[in-house]
């Protein structure tokens, strides 16, 4: 079964550790790996350093 598949980096780590089940699923496929270059977390709250006293 040929085809293209997009994998997450976590799946690639399992493959590199020798997981036979993952290797069987990915066998004879064209694999693309996703990755996160930068992660920005926003909480929606603003912290002010100015005091209104």
C-alpha atoms as a PDB file:
ATOM      1  CA  UNK A   1       0.000   0.000   0.000  1.00  0.00           C
ATOM      2  CA  UNK A   2       1.778   3.117  -1.243  1.00  0.00           C
ATOM      3  CA  UNK A   3       0.844   6.690  -0.476  1.00  0.00           C
ATOM      4  CA  UNK A   4       1.713   9.827   1.370  1.00  0.00           C
ATOM      5  CA  UNK A   5       1.431  10.253   5.113  1.00  0.00           C
ATOM      6  CA  UNK A   6       2.026  13.187   7.449  1.00  0.00           C
ATOM      7  CA  UNK A   7       3.459  12.236  10.824  1.00  0.00           C
ATOM      8  CA  UNK A   8       4.053  14.192  13.994  1.00  0.00           C
ATOM      9  CA  UNK A   9       7.534  14.259  15.507  1.00  0.00           C
ATOM     10  CA  UNK A  10       6.305  12.006  18.342  1.00  0.00           C
ATOM     11  CA  UNK A  11       5.640   9.245  15.801  1.00  0.00           C
ATOM     12  CA  UNK A  12       9.134   9.731  14.385  1.00  0.00           C
ATOM     13  CA  UNK A  13      10.568   9.227  17.880  1.00  0.00           C
ATOM     14  CA  UNK A  14       8.726   5.901  18.223  1.00  0.00           C
ATOM     15  CA  UNK A  15      10.084   4.863  14.835  1.00  0.00           C
ATOM     16  CA  UNK A  16      13.635   5.781  15.805  1.00  0.00           C
ATOM     17  CA  UNK A  17      13.258   3.709  18.984  1.00  0.00           C
ATOM     18  CA  UNK A  18      12.557   0.648  16.813  1.00  0.00           C
ATOM     19  CA  UNK A  19       8.761   0.329  17.087  1.00  0.00           C
ATOM     20  CA  UNK A  20       7.921  -2.484  14.621  1.00  0.00           C
ATOM     21  CA  UNK A  21       4.199  -1.633  14.461  1.00  0.00           C
ATOM     22  CA  UNK A  22       4.889   1.982  13.436  1.00  0.00           C
ATOM     23  CA  UNK A  23       7.537   0.806  10.966  1.00  0.00           C
ATOM     24  CA  UNK A  24       4.998  -1.549   9.373  1.00  0.00           C
ATOM     25  CA  UNK A  25       2.416   1.210   9.013  1.00  0.00           C
ATOM     26  CA  UNK A  26       4.934   3.588   7.427  1.00  0.00           C
ATOM     27  CA  UNK A  27       6.544   0.973   5.167  1.00  0.00           C
ATOM     28  CA  UNK A  28       6.596   1.982   1.463  1.00  0.00           C
ATOM     29  CA  UNK A  29       5.029   5.379   2.152  1.00  0.00           C
ATOM     30  CA  UNK A  30       6.268   8.840   1.344  1.00  0.00           C
ATOM     31  CA  UNK A  31       6.573  10.420   4.790  1.00  0.00           C
ATOM     32  CA  UNK A  32       6.278  14.087   5.678  1.00  0.00           C
ATOM     33  CA  UNK A  33       7.004  15.202   9.242  1.00  0.00           C
ATOM     34  CA  UNK A  34       5.448  18.163  10.960  1.00  0.00           C
ATOM     35  CA  UNK A  35       7.268  20.135  13.587  1.00  0.00           C
ATOM     36  CA  UNK A  36       6.772  23.273  15.653  1.00  0.00           C
ATOM     37  CA  UNK A  37       9.344  25.981  15.082  1.00  0.00           C
ATOM     38  CA  UNK A  38       8.055  28.340  17.736  1.00  0.00           C
ATOM     39  CA  UNK A  39       5.363  28.058  20.346  1.00  0.00           C
ATOM     40  CA  UNK A  40       3.701  31.205  21.614  1.00  0.00           C
ATOM     41  CA  UNK A  41       1.343  30.843  24.534  1.00  0.00           C
ATOM     42  CA  UNK A  42      -1.156  33.561  25.224  1.00  0.00           C
ATOM     43  CA  UNK A  43      -3.360  33.537  28.287  1.00  0.00           C
ATOM     44  CA  UNK A  44      -5.481  36.591  27.609  1.00  0.00           C
ATOM     45  CA  UNK A  45      -4.523  38.291  30.856  1.00  0.00           C
ATOM     46  CA  UNK A  46      -2.350  41.375  31.054  1.00  0.00           C
ATOM     47  CA  UNK A  47      -0.002  41.992  33.927  1.00  0.00           C
ATOM     48  CA  UNK A  48       0.701  45.641  34.582  1.00  0.00           C
ATOM     49  CA  UNK A  49       3.773  46.941  36.315  1.00  0.00           C
ATOM     50  CA  UNK A  50       2.062  50.282  37.041  1.00  0.00           C
ATOM     51  CA  UNK A  51       0.255  50.744  40.314  1.00  0.00           C
ATOM     52  CA  UNK A  52      -2.736  53.093  40.655  1.00  0.00           C
ATOM     53  CA  UNK A  53      -2.541  53.957  44.352  1.00  0.00           C
END
